[in-house]
Amino acid sequence: MRPFDIRQKQTVFAYRLIIKDSIEEKIRQLQKKKGDIANDILGEENFAQALTLNDFNFLLGGN
């Protein structure tokens, strides 16, 4: 059976082994940050609460 077989009935655990201060750790941090931003945007009621002053400056064309 292939690992991602849709017919799989048993629980599958996936582990991420990430070394501290590695490029993999930085990539994971970026993925989490972007995921949080996407969740904030998709949940419109939380969108305005998630914006920072820097975000407003960016949106309004400031530096």
PDB file of N, CA and C in Angstrom:
ATOM      1  N   MET A   1       0.840  -1.167   0.000  1.00  0.00           N
ATOM      2  CA  MET A   1       0.000   0.000   0.000  1.00  0.00           C
ATOM      3  C   MET A   1       0.892   1.240   0.000  1.00  0.00           C
ATOM      4  N   ARG A   2       0.553   2.195  -0.813  1.00  0.00           N
ATOM      5  CA  ARG A   2       1.314   3.440  -0.872  1.00  0.00           C
ATOM      6  C   ARG A   2       1.054   4.263   0.396  1.00  0.00           C
ATOM      7  N   PRO A   3       2.011   5.100   0.817  1.00  0.00           N
ATOM      8  CA  PRO A   3       1.839   5.863   2.058  1.00  0.00           C
ATOM      9  C   PRO A   3       0.681   6.842   2.048  1.00  0.00           C
ATOM     10  N   PHE A   4       0.296   7.364   0.891  1.00  0.00           N
ATOM     11  CA  PHE A   4      -0.782   8.344   0.835  1.00  0.00           C
ATOM     12  C   PHE A   4      -2.017   7.772   0.138  1.00  0.00           C
ATOM     13  N   ASP A   5      -2.182   6.501   0.244  1.00  0.00           N
ATOM     14  CA  ASP A   5      -3.310   5.828  -0.376  1.00  0.00           C
ATOM     15  C   ASP A   5      -4.616   6.273   0.288  1.00  0.00           C
ATOM     16  N   ILE A   6      -5.579   6.738  -0.497  1.00  0.00           N
ATOM     17  CA  ILE A   6      -6.838   7.219   0.072  1.00  0.00           C
ATOM     18  C   ILE A   6      -7.648   6.090   0.702  1.00  0.00           C
ATOM     19  N   ARG A   7      -7.275   4.869   0.421  1.00  0.00           N
ATOM     20  CA  ARG A   7      -7.972   3.728   1.020  1.00  0.00           C
ATOM     21  C   ARG A   7      -7.418   3.390   2.401  1.00  0.00           C
ATOM     22  N   GLN A   8      -6.412   4.108   2.832  1.00  0.00           N
ATOM     23  CA  GLN A   8      -5.787   3.849   4.135  1.00  0.00           C
ATOM     24  C   GLN A   8      -6.826   4.021   5.243  1.00  0.00           C
ATOM     25  N   LYS A   9      -6.963   3.029   6.108  1.00  0.00           N
ATOM     26  CA  LYS A   9      -7.947   3.075   7.187  1.00  0.00           C
ATOM     27  C   LYS A   9      -7.308   3.341   8.544  1.00  0.00           C
ATOM     28  N   GLN A  10      -6.022   3.085   8.675  1.00  0.00           N
ATOM     29  CA  GLN A  10      -5.357   3.269   9.947  1.00  0.00           C
ATOM     30  C   GLN A  10      -4.836   4.698  10.075  1.00  0.00           C
ATOM     31  N   THR A  11      -4.682   5.149  11.319  1.00  0.00           N
ATOM     32  CA  THR A  11      -4.132   6.471  11.567  1.00  0.00           C
ATOM     33  C   THR A  11      -2.672   6.495  11.146  1.00  0.00           C
ATOM     34  N   VAL A  12      -2.299   7.569  10.458  1.00  0.00           N
ATOM     35  CA  VAL A  12      -0.926   7.727  10.004  1.00  0.00           C
ATOM     36  C   VAL A  12      -0.331   8.937  10.721  1.00  0.00           C
ATOM     37  N   PHE A  13       0.857   8.777  11.269  1.00  0.00           N
ATOM     38  CA  PHE A  13       1.547   9.859  11.946  1.00  0.00           C
ATOM     39  C   PHE A  13       2.695  10.329  11.068  1.00  0.00           C
ATOM     40  N   ALA A  14       2.801  11.639  10.917  1.00  0.00           N
ATOM     41  CA  ALA A  14       3.907  12.215  10.159  1.00  0.00           C
ATOM     42  C   ALA A  14       4.731  13.066  11.123  1.00  0.00           C
ATOM     43  N   TYR A  15       6.015  12.858  11.122  1.00  0.00           N
ATOM     44  CA  TYR A  15       6.911  13.592  12.011  1.00  0.00           C
ATOM     45  C   TYR A  15       7.812  14.491  11.197  1.00  0.00           C
ATOM     46  N   ARG A  16       8.075  15.668  11.727  1.00  0.00           N
ATOM     47  CA  ARG A  16       9.030  16.585  11.103  1.00  0.00           C
ATOM     48  C   ARG A  16      10.243  16.666  12.008  1.00  0.00           C
ATOM     49  N   LEU A  17      11.369  16.317  11.472  1.00  0.00           N
ATOM     50  CA  LEU A  17      12.610  16.419  12.225  1.00  0.00           C
ATOM     51  C   LEU A  17      13.315  17.678  11.758  1.00  0.00           C
ATOM     52  N   ILE A  18      13.373  18.655  12.646  1.00  0.00           N
ATOM     53  CA  ILE A  18      13.929  19.955  12.288  1.00  0.00           C
ATOM     54  C   ILE A  18      15.074  20.271  13.231  1.00  0.00           C
ATOM     55  N   ILE A  19      16.197  20.607  12.667  1.00  0.00           N
ATOM     56  CA  ILE A  19      17.378  20.941  13.451  1.00  0.00           C
ATOM     57  C   ILE A  19      17.334  22.420  13.802  1.00  0.00           C
ATOM     58  N   LYS A  20      17.622  22.731  15.067  1.00  0.00           N
ATOM     59  CA  LYS A  20      17.607  24.114  15.535  1.00  0.00           C
ATOM     60  C   LYS A  20      18.594  24.959  14.734  1.00  0.00           C
ATOM     61  N   ASP A  21      18.159  26.200  14.417  1.00  0.00           N
ATOM     62  CA  ASP A  21      18.967  27.169  13.670  1.00  0.00           C
ATOM     63  C   ASP A  21      19.330  26.699  12.265  1.00  0.00           C
ATOM     64  N   SER A  22      18.488  25.851  11.676  1.00  0.00           N
ATOM     65  CA  SER A  22      18.735  25.372  10.311  1.00  0.00           C
ATOM     66  C   SER A  22      17.786  26.064   9.343  1.00  0.00           C
ATOM     67  N   ILE A  23      18.054  25.901   8.061  1.00  0.00           N
ATOM     68  CA  ILE A  23      17.171  26.461   7.037  1.00  0.00           C
ATOM     69  C   ILE A  23      15.783  25.838   7.137  1.00  0.00           C
ATOM     70  N   GLU A  24      15.716  24.557   7.518  1.00  0.00           N
ATOM     71  CA  GLU A  24      14.419  23.891   7.673  1.00  0.00           C
ATOM     72  C   GLU A  24      13.593  24.559   8.768  1.00  0.00           C
ATOM     73  N   GLU A  25      14.241  24.964   9.859  1.00  0.00           N
ATOM     74  CA  GLU A  25      13.538  25.638  10.939  1.00  0.00           C
ATOM     75  C   GLU A  25      13.001  26.982  10.455  1.00  0.00           C
ATOM     76  N   LYS A  26      13.801  27.710   9.696  1.00  0.00           N
ATOM     77  CA  LYS A  26      13.363  29.003   9.174  1.00  0.00           C
ATOM     78  C   LYS A  26      12.205  28.841   8.197  1.00  0.00           C
ATOM     79  N   ILE A  27      12.258  27.818   7.364  1.00  0.00           N
ATOM     80  CA  ILE A  27      11.172  27.547   6.420  1.00  0.00           C
ATOM     81  C   ILE A  27       9.896  27.226   7.180  1.00  0.00           C
ATOM     82  N   ARG A  28       9.994  26.412   8.214  1.00  0.00           N
ATOM     83  CA  ARG A  28       8.824  26.041   9.018  1.00  0.00           C
ATOM     84  C   ARG A  28       8.227  27.272   9.696  1.00  0.00           C
ATOM     85  N   GLN A  29       9.075  28.153  10.221  1.00  0.00           N
ATOM     86  CA  GLN A  29       8.592  29.373  10.859  1.00  0.00           C
ATOM     87  C   GLN A  29       7.843  30.238   9.847  1.00  0.00           C
ATOM     88  N   LEU A  30       8.392  30.344   8.645  1.00  0.00           N
ATOM     89  CA  LEU A  30       7.743  31.130   7.596  1.00  0.00           C
ATOM     90  C   LEU A  30       6.405  30.506   7.198  1.00  0.00           C
ATOM     91  N   GLN A  31       6.365  29.175   7.094  1.00  0.00           N
ATOM     92  CA  GLN A  31       5.112  28.491   6.758  1.00  0.00           C
ATOM     93  C   GLN A  31       4.047  28.764   7.811  1.00  0.00           C
ATOM     94  N   LYS A  32       4.434  28.693   9.079  1.00  0.00           N
ATOM     95  CA  LYS A  32       3.481  28.933  10.158  1.00  0.00           C
ATOM     96  C   LYS A  32       2.985  30.380  10.130  1.00  0.00           C
ATOM     97  N   LYS A  33       3.899  31.321   9.894  1.00  0.00           N
ATOM     98  CA  LYS A  33       3.522  32.731   9.847  1.00  0.00           C
ATOM     99  C   LYS A  33       2.542  32.988   8.703  1.00  0.00           C
ATOM    100  N   LYS A  34       2.838  32.435   7.532  1.00  0.00           N
ATOM    101  CA  LYS A  34       1.952  32.621   6.375  1.00  0.00           C
ATOM    102  C   LYS A  34       0.609  31.927   6.602  1.00  0.00           C
ATOM    103  N   GLY A  35       0.634  30.778   7.255  1.00  0.00           N
ATOM    104  CA  GLY A  35      -0.612  30.080   7.580  1.00  0.00           C
ATOM    105  C   GLY A  35      -1.478  30.895   8.525  1.00  0.00           C
ATOM    106  N   ASP A  36      -0.848  31.521   9.515  1.00  0.00           N
ATOM    107  CA  ASP A  36      -1.584  32.374  10.446  1.00  0.00           C
ATOM    108  C   ASP A  36      -2.201  33.563   9.721  1.00  0.00           C
ATOM    109  N   ILE A  37      -1.439  34.156   8.809  1.00  0.00           N
ATOM    110  CA  ILE A  37      -1.956  35.296   8.039  1.00  0.00           C
ATOM    111  C   ILE A  37      -3.145  34.857   7.184  1.00  0.00           C
ATOM    112  N   ALA A  38      -3.028  33.711   6.532  1.00  0.00           N
ATOM    113  CA  ALA A  38      -4.124  33.209   5.694  1.00  0.00           C
ATOM    114  C   ALA A  38      -5.364  32.948   6.536  1.00  0.00           C
ATOM    115  N   ASN A  39      -5.192  32.383   7.716  1.00  0.00           N
ATOM    116  CA  ASN A  39      -6.344  32.135   8.589  1.00  0.00           C
ATOM    117  C   ASN A  39      -6.988  33.444   9.034  1.00  0.00           C
ATOM    118  N   ASP A  40      -6.189  34.451   9.296  1.00  0.00           N
ATOM    119  CA  ASP A  40      -6.729  35.748   9.686  1.00  0.00           C
ATOM    120  C   ASP A  40      -7.517  36.384   8.543  1.00  0.00           C
ATOM    121  N   ILE A  41      -6.999  36.268   7.333  1.00  0.00           N
ATOM    122  CA  ILE A  41      -7.673  36.867   6.181  1.00  0.00           C
ATOM    123  C   ILE A  41      -8.959  36.128   5.857  1.00  0.00           C
ATOM    124  N   LEU A  42      -8.921  34.810   5.928  1.00  0.00           N
ATOM    125  CA  LEU A  42     -10.104  34.021   5.600  1.00  0.00           C
ATOM    126  C   LEU A  42     -11.203  34.182   6.643  1.00  0.00           C
ATOM    127  N   GLY A  43     -10.829  34.467   7.855  1.00  0.00           N
ATOM    128  CA  GLY A  43     -11.804  34.758   8.892  1.00  0.00           C
ATOM    129  C   GLY A  43     -11.947  36.262   8.985  1.00  0.00           C
ATOM    130  N   GLU A  44     -12.816  36.849   8.174  1.00  0.00           N
ATOM    131  CA  GLU A  44     -12.893  38.303   8.034  1.00  0.00           C
ATOM    132  C   GLU A  44     -13.091  39.022   9.361  1.00  0.00           C
ATOM    133  N   GLU A  45     -13.815  38.417  10.281  1.00  0.00           N
ATOM    134  CA  GLU A  45     -14.041  39.090  11.552  1.00  0.00           C
ATOM    135  C   GLU A  45     -12.745  39.269  12.335  1.00  0.00           C
ATOM    136  N   ASN A  46     -11.751  38.429  12.056  1.00  0.00           N
ATOM    137  CA  ASN A  46     -10.465  38.543  12.741  1.00  0.00           C
ATOM    138  C   ASN A  46      -9.450  39.358  11.945  1.00  0.00           C
ATOM    139  N   PHE A  47      -9.787  39.675  10.688  1.00  0.00           N
ATOM    140  CA  PHE A  47      -8.821  40.343   9.823  1.00  0.00           C
ATOM    141  C   PHE A  47      -8.389  41.689  10.387  1.00  0.00           C
ATOM    142  N   ALA A  48      -9.342  42.523  10.732  1.00  0.00           N
ATOM    143  CA  ALA A  48      -9.013  43.864  11.226  1.00  0.00           C
ATOM    144  C   ALA A  48      -8.248  43.786  12.541  1.00  0.00           C
ATOM    145  N   GLN A  49      -8.561  42.819  13.369  1.00  0.00           N
ATOM    146  CA  GLN A  49      -7.870  42.665  14.650  1.00  0.00           C
ATOM    147  C   GLN A  49      -6.428  42.235  14.452  1.00  0.00           C
ATOM    148  N   ALA A  50      -6.134  41.561  13.351  1.00  0.00           N
ATOM    149  CA  ALA A  50      -4.800  41.026  13.110  1.00  0.00           C
ATOM    150  C   ALA A  50      -3.855  42.064  12.510  1.00  0.00           C
ATOM    151  N   LEU A  51      -4.395  43.181  12.015  1.00  0.00           N
ATOM    152  CA  LEU A  51      -3.560  44.190  11.371  1.00  0.00           C
ATOM    153  C   LEU A  51      -2.778  44.991  12.397  1.00  0.00           C
ATOM    154  N   THR A  52      -1.523  45.232  12.070  1.00  0.00           N
ATOM    155  CA  THR A  52      -0.667  46.057  12.917  1.00  0.00           C
ATOM    156  C   THR A  52      -0.536  47.437  12.274  1.00  0.00           C
ATOM    157  N   LEU A  53       0.079  48.353  12.993  1.00  0.00           N
ATOM    158  CA  LEU A  53       0.315  49.688  12.443  1.00  0.00           C
ATOM    159  C   LEU A  53       1.170  49.603  11.175  1.00  0.00           C
ATOM    160  N   ASN A  54       2.159  48.721  11.170  1.00  0.00           N
ATOM    161  CA  ASN A  54       2.987  48.519   9.972  1.00  0.00           C
ATOM    162  C   ASN A  54       2.152  48.010   8.805  1.00  0.00           C
ATOM    163  N   ASP A  55       1.182  47.131   9.083  1.00  0.00           N
ATOM    164  CA  ASP A  55       0.304  46.633   8.029  1.00  0.00           C
ATOM    165  C   ASP A  55      -0.506  47.774   7.425  1.00  0.00           C
ATOM    166  N   PHE A  56      -1.058  48.645   8.284  1.00  0.00           N
ATOM    167  CA  PHE A  56      -1.834  49.795   7.778  1.00  0.00           C
ATOM    168  C   PHE A  56      -0.953  50.710   6.937  1.00  0.00           C
ATOM    169  N   ASN A  57       0.273  50.971   7.405  1.00  0.00           N
ATOM    170  CA  ASN A  57       1.190  51.814   6.628  1.00  0.00           C
ATOM    171  C   ASN A  57       1.468  51.193   5.262  1.00  0.00           C
ATOM    172  N   PHE A  58       1.651  49.883   5.225  1.00  0.00           N
ATOM    173  CA  PHE A  58       1.895  49.198   3.959  1.00  0.00           C
ATOM    174  C   PHE A  58       0.676  49.323   3.040  1.00  0.00           C
ATOM    175  N   LEU A  59      -0.511  49.073   3.590  1.00  0.00           N
ATOM    176  CA  LEU A  59      -1.722  49.117   2.788  1.00  0.00           C
ATOM    177  C   LEU A  59      -1.994  50.518   2.242  1.00  0.00           C
ATOM    178  N   LEU A  60      -1.618  51.531   3.003  1.00  0.00           N
ATOM    179  CA  LEU A  60      -1.876  52.905   2.592  1.00  0.00           C
ATOM    180  C   LEU A  60      -0.721  53.519   1.806  1.00  0.00           C
ATOM    181  N   GLY A  61       0.273  52.709   1.495  1.00  0.00           N
ATOM    182  CA  GLY A  61       1.358  53.171   0.651  1.00  0.00           C
ATOM    183  C   GLY A  61       2.514  53.817   1.398  1.00  0.00           C
ATOM    184  N   GLY A  62       2.497  53.729   2.721  1.00  0.00           N
ATOM    185  CA  GLY A  62       3.595  54.279   3.499  1.00  0.00           C
ATOM    186  C   GLY A  62       4.780  53.320   3.511  1.00  0.00           C
ATOM    187  N   ASN A  63       5.845  53.737   4.128  1.00  0.00           N
ATOM    188  CA  ASN A  63       7.037  52.886   4.195  1.00  0.00           C
ATOM    189  C   ASN A  63       7.005  52.014   5.390  1.00  0.00           C
TER     190      ASN A  63
END
